[in-house]
Amino acid sequence: MSRYDRWNAILELLAQEGRLSVEEAAQALDVSTATIRRDFDQLAQQQMLMRTRGGAVAQSVSYDLPLRYKTARHADEKHRIAAAAAELVTPGAVVGLNGGTTTSELARTLATAATLESGFTIVTNALNIASELTVRQHVKIVVTGGVARQQSYELIGPLATGVLEQVTLDVAFLGVDALDVELGASAHHEGEASVNNLLISRAGQVVVVADSSKVGKRAFSRICPIEQIDTLVTDAQLSDELAGQLTDAGVKVVRA
């Protein structure tokens, strides 16, 4: 297991338990306690956790982890969500994508399916998506301007508006930090929320792609009200109660 894989696993355990001892982490990851102590110290230096005597505790920043630490979370669900979401895209469509692990997985799925006869145009403010898909022969990439945010690799700020105001999207896929019937879609960071709101305003159809752990939750900054969302593509773990609330609010729910 690589260092980053261990860090992913440690942060995932902390997110679930809130507190973790050196011995518990060492046993769970099958590594030495000395390795875990170094990992805890290095993660504490990056403010990913708070060191305690003999262990570590989660702190609020852990709920807005950098993208590279989120990739292991709900990975199987994200693969299924991406596959189901890709079926909503018609050949030749202009597709908007914001940043996030689920939208990144969807971008890969779309790029794999693209051919000379059925290529896509992807408009994104996510640097990682643009970088990965630039080499794909049948995918046209349009990148917004903006200032890069290290947490998510998203470009934010007023420089992003110049491009987005000039394009029209067939469908926008929106990765979110939370989705609630009353509040709508929301993000941890207000800069991301603002650009994401402009992105979906240019789209004929708005699809939220999010695993069920984010549904029924609220984050700091609102992206859009529930009325602006046409479809939610999520995993099969979404409860019937939450699915029913969203359906009643006019959102089509697809459980992959």
C-alpha atoms as a PDB file:
ATOM      1  CA  MET A   1       0.000   0.000   0.000  1.00  0.00           C
ATOM      2  CA  SER A   2       1.415   3.366  -1.037  1.00  0.00           C
ATOM      3  CA  ARG A   3       1.663   6.345   1.305  1.00  0.00           C
ATOM      4  CA  TYR A   4      -1.264   8.127  -0.360  1.00  0.00           C
ATOM      5  CA  ASP A   5      -3.363   4.960  -0.216  1.00  0.00           C
ATOM      6  CA  ARG A   6      -2.642   4.725   3.520  1.00  0.00           C
ATOM      7  CA  TRP A   7      -3.547   8.370   3.993  1.00  0.00           C
ATOM      8  CA  ASN A   8      -6.806   7.840   2.115  1.00  0.00           C
ATOM      9  CA  ALA A   9      -7.603   4.875   4.345  1.00  0.00           C
ATOM     10  CA  ILE A  10      -6.699   6.738   7.546  1.00  0.00           C
ATOM     11  CA  LEU A  11      -8.868   9.724   6.627  1.00  0.00           C
ATOM     12  CA  GLU A  12     -11.737   7.442   5.665  1.00  0.00           C
ATOM     13  CA  LEU A  13     -11.530   5.689   9.055  1.00  0.00           C
ATOM     14  CA  LEU A  14     -11.437   9.038  10.818  1.00  0.00           C
ATOM     15  CA  ALA A  15     -14.448  10.266   8.879  1.00  0.00           C
ATOM     16  CA  GLN A  16     -16.364   7.197  10.041  1.00  0.00           C
ATOM     17  CA  GLU A  17     -15.166   6.987  13.653  1.00  0.00           C
ATOM     18  CA  GLY A  18     -14.128  10.528  14.534  1.00  0.00           C
ATOM     19  CA  ARG A  19     -11.194   9.216  16.599  1.00  0.00           C
ATOM     20  CA  LEU A  20      -8.460   6.677  15.889  1.00  0.00           C
ATOM     21  CA  SER A  21      -5.601   5.275  17.947  1.00  0.00           C
ATOM     22  CA  VAL A  22      -2.202   4.398  16.508  1.00  0.00           C
ATOM     23  CA  GLU A  23      -2.754   0.732  17.342  1.00  0.00           C
ATOM     24  CA  GLU A  24      -6.207   0.626  15.724  1.00  0.00           C
ATOM     25  CA  ALA A  25      -4.907   2.201  12.532  1.00  0.00           C
ATOM     26  CA  ALA A  26      -1.876  -0.087  12.402  1.00  0.00           C
ATOM     27  CA  GLN A  27      -4.068  -3.157  12.791  1.00  0.00           C
ATOM     28  CA  ALA A  28      -6.631  -1.996  10.231  1.00  0.00           C
ATOM     29  CA  LEU A  29      -3.974  -1.204   7.606  1.00  0.00           C
ATOM     30  CA  ASP A  30      -1.587  -4.031   8.523  1.00  0.00           C
ATOM     31  CA  VAL A  31       1.442  -1.762   8.972  1.00  0.00           C
ATOM     32  CA  SER A  32       3.716  -0.908  11.875  1.00  0.00           C
ATOM     33  CA  THR A  33       2.787   1.578  14.581  1.00  0.00           C
ATOM     34  CA  ALA A  34       5.901   3.581  13.648  1.00  0.00           C
ATOM     35  CA  THR A  35       4.541   4.006  10.108  1.00  0.00           C
ATOM     36  CA  ILE A  36       1.167   5.133  11.440  1.00  0.00           C
ATOM     37  CA  ARG A  37       2.775   7.667  13.795  1.00  0.00           C
ATOM     38  CA  ARG A  38       4.662   9.192  10.841  1.00  0.00           C
ATOM     39  CA  ASP A  39       1.466   9.246   8.780  1.00  0.00           C
ATOM     40  CA  PHE A  40      -0.457  10.927  11.604  1.00  0.00           C
ATOM     41  CA  ASP A  41       2.290  13.532  12.042  1.00  0.00           C
ATOM     42  CA  GLN A  42       2.432  14.305   8.311  1.00  0.00           C
ATOM     43  CA  LEU A  43      -1.359  14.544   7.996  1.00  0.00           C
ATOM     44  CA  ALA A  44      -1.468  16.803  11.052  1.00  0.00           C
ATOM     45  CA  GLN A  45       1.081  19.109   9.412  1.00  0.00           C
ATOM     46  CA  GLN A  46      -1.318  19.427   6.462  1.00  0.00           C
ATOM     47  CA  GLN A  47      -4.225  20.070   8.860  1.00  0.00           C
ATOM     48  CA  MET A  48      -5.992  16.937   7.719  1.00  0.00           C
ATOM     49  CA  LEU A  49      -6.380  15.709  11.304  1.00  0.00           C
ATOM     50  CA  MET A  50      -5.512  16.668  14.866  1.00  0.00           C
ATOM     51  CA  ARG A  51      -2.919  14.673  16.791  1.00  0.00           C
ATOM     52  CA  THR A  52      -3.761  13.415  20.265  1.00  0.00           C
ATOM     53  CA  ARG A  53      -1.782  11.362  22.774  1.00  0.00           C
ATOM     54  CA  GLY A  54      -1.611   7.920  21.185  1.00  0.00           C
ATOM     55  CA  GLY A  55      -3.778   8.729  18.179  1.00  0.00           C
ATOM     56  CA  ALA A  56      -5.673  11.324  16.154  1.00  0.00           C
ATOM     57  CA  VAL A  57      -9.093  12.898  15.845  1.00  0.00           C
ATOM     58  CA  ALA A  58     -10.951  14.270  12.844  1.00  0.00           C
ATOM     59  CA  GLN A  59     -11.386  18.003  12.440  1.00  0.00           C
ATOM     60  CA  SER A  60     -13.775  19.979  10.307  1.00  0.00           C
ATOM     61  CA  VAL A  61     -11.400  20.287   7.340  1.00  0.00           C
ATOM     62  CA  SER A  62     -11.621  16.532   6.888  1.00  0.00           C
ATOM     63  CA  TYR A  63     -15.073  16.978   5.404  1.00  0.00           C
ATOM     64  CA  ASP A  64     -13.637  19.071   2.566  1.00  0.00           C
ATOM     65  CA  LEU A  65     -10.585  16.988   1.799  1.00  0.00           C
ATOM     66  CA  PRO A  66      -8.406  17.657  -1.231  1.00  0.00           C
ATOM     67  CA  LEU A  67      -9.536  15.692  -4.267  1.00  0.00           C
ATOM     68  CA  ARG A  68      -6.528  13.362  -4.138  1.00  0.00           C
ATOM     69  CA  TYR A  69      -7.678  12.110  -0.723  1.00  0.00           C
ATOM     70  CA  LYS A  70     -11.282  11.505  -1.801  1.00  0.00           C
ATOM     71  CA  THR A  71     -10.742   9.065  -4.649  1.00  0.00           C
ATOM     72  CA  ALA A  72     -11.065   5.924  -2.535  1.00  0.00           C
ATOM     73  CA  ARG A  73     -14.418   6.909  -1.032  1.00  0.00           C
ATOM     74  CA  HIS A  74     -17.425   5.021  -2.415  1.00  0.00           C
ATOM     75  CA  ALA A  75     -15.385   4.039  -5.481  1.00  0.00           C
ATOM     76  CA  ASP A  76     -17.684   1.215  -6.641  1.00  0.00           C
ATOM     77  CA  GLU A  77     -20.747   3.416  -6.333  1.00  0.00           C
ATOM     78  CA  LYS A  78     -19.068   6.175  -8.359  1.00  0.00           C
ATOM     79  CA  HIS A  79     -18.243   3.757 -11.177  1.00  0.00           C
ATOM     80  CA  ARG A  80     -21.894   2.715 -11.384  1.00  0.00           C
ATOM     81  CA  ILE A  81     -23.137   6.296 -11.162  1.00  0.00           C
ATOM     82  CA  ALA A  82     -20.792   7.344 -13.972  1.00  0.00           C
ATOM     83  CA  ALA A  83     -21.949   4.490 -16.199  1.00  0.00           C
ATOM     84  CA  ALA A  84     -25.620   5.351 -15.639  1.00  0.00           C
ATOM     85  CA  ALA A  85     -25.032   9.076 -16.154  1.00  0.00           C
ATOM     86  CA  ALA A  86     -23.140   8.466 -19.407  1.00  0.00           C
ATOM     87  CA  GLU A  87     -26.256   6.844 -20.847  1.00  0.00           C
ATOM     88  CA  LEU A  88     -28.010  10.226 -20.606  1.00  0.00           C
ATOM     89  CA  VAL A  89     -25.569  11.784 -23.096  1.00  0.00           C
ATOM     90  CA  THR A  90     -26.373  11.647 -26.811  1.00  0.00           C
ATOM     91  CA  PRO A  91     -23.598  11.451 -29.435  1.00  0.00           C
ATOM     92  CA  GLY A  92     -22.175  14.848 -30.300  1.00  0.00           C
ATOM     93  CA  ALA A  93     -23.585  16.547 -27.207  1.00  0.00           C
ATOM     94  CA  VAL A  94     -22.030  19.549 -25.489  1.00  0.00           C
ATOM     95  CA  VAL A  95     -21.516  18.479 -21.885  1.00  0.00           C
ATOM     96  CA  GLY A  96     -20.710  20.624 -18.853  1.00  0.00           C
ATOM     97  CA  LEU A  97     -18.747  19.110 -15.966  1.00  0.00           C
ATOM     98  CA  ASN A  98     -17.629  20.684 -12.716  1.00  0.00           C
ATOM     99  CA  GLY A  99     -14.926  19.209 -10.501  1.00  0.00           C
ATOM    100  CA  GLY A 100     -15.135  16.228  -8.158  1.00  0.00           C
ATOM    101  CA  THR A 101     -14.432  12.524  -8.002  1.00  0.00           C
ATOM    102  CA  THR A 102     -17.773  11.453  -9.489  1.00  0.00           C
ATOM    103  CA  THR A 103     -17.658  13.914 -12.386  1.00  0.00           C
ATOM    104  CA  SER A 104     -14.037  12.895 -13.033  1.00  0.00           C
ATOM    105  CA  GLU A 105     -15.138   9.278 -13.287  1.00  0.00           C
ATOM    106  CA  LEU A 106     -17.952  10.308 -15.620  1.00  0.00           C
ATOM    107  CA  ALA A 107     -15.479  12.212 -17.815  1.00  0.00           C
ATOM    108  CA  ARG A 108     -13.377   9.050 -18.178  1.00  0.00           C
ATOM    109  CA  THR A 109     -16.454   7.014 -19.041  1.00  0.00           C
ATOM    110  CA  LEU A 110     -17.542   9.480 -21.709  1.00  0.00           C
ATOM    111  CA  ALA A 111     -14.056   9.695 -23.176  1.00  0.00           C
ATOM    112  CA  THR A 112     -13.823   5.918 -23.436  1.00  0.00           C
ATOM    113  CA  ALA A 113     -17.108   5.791 -25.334  1.00  0.00           C
ATOM    114  CA  ALA A 114     -16.245   8.617 -27.736  1.00  0.00           C
ATOM    115  CA  THR A 115     -15.635   7.733 -31.384  1.00  0.00           C
ATOM    116  CA  LEU A 116     -15.163   9.677 -34.590  1.00  0.00           C
ATOM    117  CA  GLU A 117     -18.915   9.442 -35.226  1.00  0.00           C
ATOM    118  CA  SER A 118     -20.013  10.135 -31.625  1.00  0.00           C
ATOM    119  CA  GLY A 119     -17.530  12.486 -30.061  1.00  0.00           C
ATOM    120  CA  PHE A 120     -18.351  14.982 -27.340  1.00  0.00           C
ATOM    121  CA  THR A 121     -17.556  18.556 -26.463  1.00  0.00           C
ATOM    122  CA  ILE A 122     -16.836  18.938 -22.743  1.00  0.00           C
ATOM    123  CA  VAL A 123     -16.875  22.326 -21.046  1.00  0.00           C
ATOM    124  CA  THR A 124     -15.296  22.216 -17.604  1.00  0.00           C
ATOM    125  CA  ASN A 125     -13.721  24.319 -14.884  1.00  0.00           C
ATOM    126  CA  ALA A 126     -11.846  21.286 -13.524  1.00  0.00           C
ATOM    127  CA  LEU A 127      -8.147  21.228 -14.377  1.00  0.00           C
ATOM    128  CA  ASN A 128      -7.753  17.505 -13.711  1.00  0.00           C
ATOM    129  CA  ILE A 129     -10.577  16.625 -16.112  1.00  0.00           C
ATOM    130  CA  ALA A 130      -9.188  18.909 -18.819  1.00  0.00           C
ATOM    131  CA  SER A 131      -5.684  17.515 -18.415  1.00  0.00           C
ATOM    132  CA  GLU A 132      -6.787  13.897 -18.552  1.00  0.00           C
ATOM    133  CA  LEU A 133      -9.103  14.305 -21.539  1.00  0.00           C
ATOM    134  CA  THR A 134      -6.901  16.561 -23.678  1.00  0.00           C
ATOM    135  CA  VAL A 135      -5.191  13.503 -25.172  1.00  0.00           C
ATOM    136  CA  ARG A 136      -8.511  11.895 -26.121  1.00  0.00           C
ATOM    137  CA  GLN A 137      -8.790  12.190 -29.895  1.00  0.00           C
ATOM    138  CA  HIS A 138     -12.582  12.461 -30.168  1.00  0.00           C
ATOM    139  CA  VAL A 139     -13.249  14.766 -27.235  1.00  0.00           C
ATOM    140  CA  LYS A 140     -13.141  18.529 -27.631  1.00  0.00           C
ATOM    141  CA  ILE A 141     -12.206  20.273 -24.381  1.00  0.00           C
ATOM    142  CA  VAL A 142     -13.220  23.821 -23.465  1.00  0.00           C
ATOM    143  CA  VAL A 143     -11.764  25.119 -20.188  1.00  0.00           C
ATOM    144  CA  THR A 144     -13.015  28.141 -18.290  1.00  0.00           C
ATOM    145  CA  GLY A 145     -10.678  30.735 -16.905  1.00  0.00           C
ATOM    146  CA  GLY A 146     -10.315  31.369 -13.205  1.00  0.00           C
ATOM    147  CA  VAL A 147      -8.103  30.872 -10.186  1.00  0.00           C
ATOM    148  CA  ALA A 148      -7.276  27.258  -9.332  1.00  0.00           C
ATOM    149  CA  ARG A 149      -8.518  25.979  -5.979  1.00  0.00           C
ATOM    150  CA  GLN A 150      -6.135  23.375  -4.556  1.00  0.00           C
ATOM    151  CA  GLN A 151      -8.824  21.382  -2.765  1.00  0.00           C
ATOM    152  CA  SER A 152     -10.766  20.474  -5.908  1.00  0.00           C
ATOM    153  CA  TYR A 153      -8.633  21.541  -8.921  1.00  0.00           C
ATOM    154  CA  GLU A 154     -11.580  23.745  -9.937  1.00  0.00           C
ATOM    155  CA  LEU A 155     -11.132  27.177 -11.516  1.00  0.00           C
ATOM    156  CA  ILE A 156     -13.196  29.756  -9.653  1.00  0.00           C
ATOM    157  CA  GLY A 157     -13.714  33.512  -9.581  1.00  0.00           C
ATOM    158  CA  PRO A 158     -14.914  36.111 -12.098  1.00  0.00           C
ATOM    159  CA  LEU A 159     -12.446  35.039 -14.788  1.00  0.00           C
ATOM    160  CA  ALA A 160     -14.545  31.899 -15.293  1.00  0.00           C
ATOM    161  CA  THR A 161     -17.631  33.847 -16.316  1.00  0.00           C
ATOM    162  CA  GLY A 162     -16.241  35.093 -19.616  1.00  0.00           C
ATOM    163  CA  VAL A 163     -16.208  31.631 -21.177  1.00  0.00           C
ATOM    164  CA  LEU A 164     -19.376  30.300 -19.560  1.00  0.00           C
ATOM    165  CA  GLU A 165     -21.450  33.256 -20.698  1.00  0.00           C
ATOM    166  CA  GLN A 166     -20.498  32.473 -24.311  1.00  0.00           C
ATOM    167  CA  VAL A 167     -21.461  28.780 -24.437  1.00  0.00           C
ATOM    168  CA  THR A 168     -24.625  26.706 -24.531  1.00  0.00           C
ATOM    169  CA  LEU A 169     -24.677  23.217 -23.011  1.00  0.00           C
ATOM    170  CA  ASP A 170     -26.977  20.320 -23.813  1.00  0.00           C
ATOM    171  CA  VAL A 171     -26.511  18.857 -20.362  1.00  0.00           C
ATOM    172  CA  ALA A 172     -24.542  19.817 -17.260  1.00  0.00           C
ATOM    173  CA  PHE A 173     -23.444  17.174 -14.781  1.00  0.00           C
ATOM    174  CA  LEU A 174     -23.028  18.619 -11.343  1.00  0.00           C
ATOM    175  CA  GLY A 175     -20.946  17.059  -8.592  1.00  0.00           C
ATOM    176  CA  VAL A 176     -22.046  18.371  -5.193  1.00  0.00           C
ATOM    177  CA  ASP A 177     -20.986  18.207  -1.568  1.00  0.00           C
ATOM    178  CA  ALA A 178     -24.597  17.949  -0.419  1.00  0.00           C
ATOM    179  CA  LEU A 179     -28.136  17.723  -1.784  1.00  0.00           C
ATOM    180  CA  ASP A 180     -31.217  18.581   0.244  1.00  0.00           C
ATOM    181  CA  VAL A 181     -34.835  18.934  -0.880  1.00  0.00           C
ATOM    182  CA  GLU A 182     -35.294  22.263   0.902  1.00  0.00           C
ATOM    183  CA  LEU A 183     -31.883  23.855   0.308  1.00  0.00           C
ATOM    184  CA  GLY A 184     -31.079  22.261  -3.035  1.00  0.00           C
ATOM    185  CA  ALA A 185     -27.507  21.520  -4.141  1.00  0.00           C
ATOM    186  CA  SER A 186     -24.649  22.976  -2.112  1.00  0.00           C
ATOM    187  CA  ALA A 187     -20.857  23.066  -1.868  1.00  0.00           C
ATOM    188  CA  HIS A 188     -18.349  23.640   0.901  1.00  0.00           C
ATOM    189  CA  HIS A 189     -16.788  26.621  -0.872  1.00  0.00           C
ATOM    190  CA  GLU A 190     -18.678  29.720  -2.020  1.00  0.00           C
ATOM    191  CA  GLY A 191     -16.383  30.259  -5.031  1.00  0.00           C
ATOM    192  CA  GLU A 192     -17.128  26.796  -6.373  1.00  0.00           C
ATOM    193  CA  ALA A 193     -20.837  27.254  -5.762  1.00  0.00           C
ATOM    194  CA  SER A 194     -20.897  30.505  -7.746  1.00  0.00           C
ATOM    195  CA  VAL A 195     -19.156  29.078 -10.820  1.00  0.00           C
ATOM    196  CA  ASN A 196     -21.200  25.884 -10.659  1.00  0.00           C
ATOM    197  CA  ASN A 197     -24.400  27.943 -10.616  1.00  0.00           C
ATOM    198  CA  LEU A 198     -23.324  29.753 -13.781  1.00  0.00           C
ATOM    199  CA  LEU A 199     -22.340  26.449 -15.410  1.00  0.00           C
ATOM    200  CA  ILE A 200     -25.771  24.901 -14.932  1.00  0.00           C
ATOM    201  CA  SER A 201     -27.523  28.107 -16.012  1.00  0.00           C
ATOM    202  CA  ARG A 202     -26.121  27.495 -19.503  1.00  0.00           C
ATOM    203  CA  ALA A 203     -27.537  23.961 -19.737  1.00  0.00           C
ATOM    204  CA  GLY A 204     -30.751  22.608 -21.181  1.00  0.00           C
ATOM    205  CA  GLN A 205     -30.688  19.767 -18.663  1.00  0.00           C
ATOM    206  CA  VAL A 206     -29.116  19.625 -15.195  1.00  0.00           C
ATOM    207  CA  VAL A 207     -28.086  16.280 -13.713  1.00  0.00           C
ATOM    208  CA  VAL A 208     -26.630  15.923 -10.235  1.00  0.00           C
ATOM    209  CA  VAL A 209     -24.252  12.966  -9.861  1.00  0.00           C
ATOM    210  CA  ALA A 210     -23.659  12.092  -6.211  1.00  0.00           C
ATOM    211  CA  ASP A 211     -23.411   9.004  -4.040  1.00  0.00           C
ATOM    212  CA  SER A 212     -26.155   8.528  -1.465  1.00  0.00           C
ATOM    213  CA  SER A 213     -23.967   9.687   1.451  1.00  0.00           C
ATOM    214  CA  LYS A 214     -24.411  13.271   0.184  1.00  0.00           C
ATOM    215  CA  VAL A 215     -28.192  13.183  -0.170  1.00  0.00           C
ATOM    216  CA  GLY A 216     -30.199  14.677   2.663  1.00  0.00           C
ATOM    217  CA  LYS A 217     -27.178  16.744   3.725  1.00  0.00           C
ATOM    218  CA  ARG A 218     -26.361  20.472   3.583  1.00  0.00           C
ATOM    219  CA  ALA A 219     -23.082  22.262   2.913  1.00  0.00           C
ATOM    220  CA  PHE A 220     -22.002  25.862   3.441  1.00  0.00           C
ATOM    221  CA  SER A 221     -22.829  27.515   0.122  1.00  0.00           C
ATOM    222  CA  ARG A 222     -25.883  26.976  -2.067  1.00  0.00           C
ATOM    223  CA  ILE A 223     -25.333  26.132  -5.732  1.00  0.00           C
ATOM    224  CA  CYS A 224     -28.965  26.102  -6.840  1.00  0.00           C
ATOM    225  CA  PRO A 225     -32.476  25.360  -5.582  1.00  0.00           C
ATOM    226  CA  ILE A 226     -33.968  21.924  -6.093  1.00  0.00           C
ATOM    227  CA  GLU A 227     -36.218  23.316  -8.851  1.00  0.00           C
ATOM    228  CA  GLN A 228     -33.225  23.758 -11.158  1.00  0.00           C
ATOM    229  CA  ILE A 229     -32.273  20.090 -10.990  1.00  0.00           C
ATOM    230  CA  ASP A 230     -33.841  17.717 -13.504  1.00  0.00           C
ATOM    231  CA  THR A 231     -32.249  14.409 -12.533  1.00  0.00           C
ATOM    232  CA  LEU A 232     -30.242  12.844  -9.719  1.00  0.00           C
ATOM    233  CA  VAL A 233     -28.050   9.860 -10.555  1.00  0.00           C
ATOM    234  CA  THR A 234     -27.002   8.140  -7.353  1.00  0.00           C
ATOM    235  CA  ASP A 235     -26.367   4.652  -5.960  1.00  0.00           C
ATOM    236  CA  ALA A 236     -28.746   1.929  -4.862  1.00  0.00           C
ATOM    237  CA  GLN A 237     -28.181   2.733  -1.173  1.00  0.00           C
ATOM    238  CA  LEU A 238     -30.378   5.842  -1.358  1.00  0.00           C
ATOM    239  CA  SER A 239     -33.376   5.303   0.906  1.00  0.00           C
ATOM    240  CA  ASP A 240     -36.897   5.113  -0.493  1.00  0.00           C
ATOM    241  CA  GLU A 241     -37.849   7.997   1.787  1.00  0.00           C
ATOM    242  CA  LEU A 242     -35.253  10.381   0.363  1.00  0.00           C
ATOM    243  CA  ALA A 243     -35.930   9.193  -3.185  1.00  0.00           C
ATOM    244  CA  GLY A 244     -39.620   9.885  -2.655  1.00  0.00           C
ATOM    245  CA  GLN A 245     -38.961  13.388  -1.325  1.00  0.00           C
ATOM    246  CA  LEU A 246     -36.858  14.225  -4.371  1.00  0.00           C
ATOM    247  CA  THR A 247     -39.395  12.750  -6.779  1.00  0.00           C
ATOM    248  CA  ASP A 248     -42.160  14.796  -5.151  1.00  0.00           C
ATOM    249  CA  ALA A 249     -39.975  17.875  -5.653  1.00  0.00           C
ATOM    250  CA  GLY A 250     -39.838  17.171  -9.400  1.00  0.00           C
ATOM    251  CA  VAL A 251     -36.428  15.478  -9.584  1.00  0.00           C
ATOM    252  CA  LYS A 252     -36.115  12.234 -11.523  1.00  0.00           C
ATOM    253  CA  VAL A 253     -34.115   9.788  -9.409  1.00  0.00           C
ATOM    254  CA  VAL A 254     -31.902   7.147 -11.048  1.00  0.00           C
ATOM    255  CA  ARG A 255     -30.389   4.603  -8.642  1.00  0.00           C
ATOM    256  CA  ALA A 256     -27.451   2.809 -10.254  1.00  0.00           C
END
